[in-house]
Amino acid sequence: MNPKVNWYFEKAEKWQEEIILLRSIVLDCGLTEELKWGCPCYLHQKHNIVLIHTFKDYCALLFFKGALLKDPKGILIQQTENVQAARQIRFTNIREIIDRRETIKAYVSEAIAAEEAGLKVELKKVAAFAVADEFQQKLDHIPELKKAFEALTPGRQRAYLLYFSSAKQVKTREARVEKYIPQILSGKGLED
């Protein structure tokens, strides 16, 4: 246990009993505990394997490369259609965690083995994502915007493309594009 992570478990008003149990199960698998993105994150040889996080309706274990796991129990959930690598196991009560203790350990072991084998999730290329017409017009007419966008990491490019194209109305897409042009030009991602 990493004492720097204790506050996460102490502050929890909902799911406290559940996440404390998840913590002990995951630590029993020989992983190192750190705090990343404000959540307890468990590493094997400095590689992220799984993290614990809570939501209003459930708490979960998030496997960073969950798409590589076999999932014989059919319990891994893809959070949204745009999540490519990560998968969750969700829990809504302590009994589910107790009943799945051995399954959780098996999934963690498989995730560790995948990491040790150097397996990687094949991510879709940026070109596979739709480009909103409103953004494409700006890219076509502002060469420095196109150059700045292409200089962003693939993850940042995907985030912008998904955000721009997710708006249903033309006005909203236009407003989003306009708002983020300065950020793109300065080399920053959507959340930077």
Foldseek 3Di string as FASTA:
>chain_A
DDPVQVVVLVVDPPCNVVVVLVVVLLVVLVWDWDADPNWTFTHDPPHTAWTWADDDQWIKIKGQQLVPDPPPVVQWADPDPQDQGITIRTDRDNVVCVVCSVVVSVRSVVSVVCVVVVHDGDDDFLVVFDAPPLLVVCVVVPVLLVVLLVPADRVLNNVLRCVLVVDPDPVVSNVSNVVCSVVSSVNHGPVD
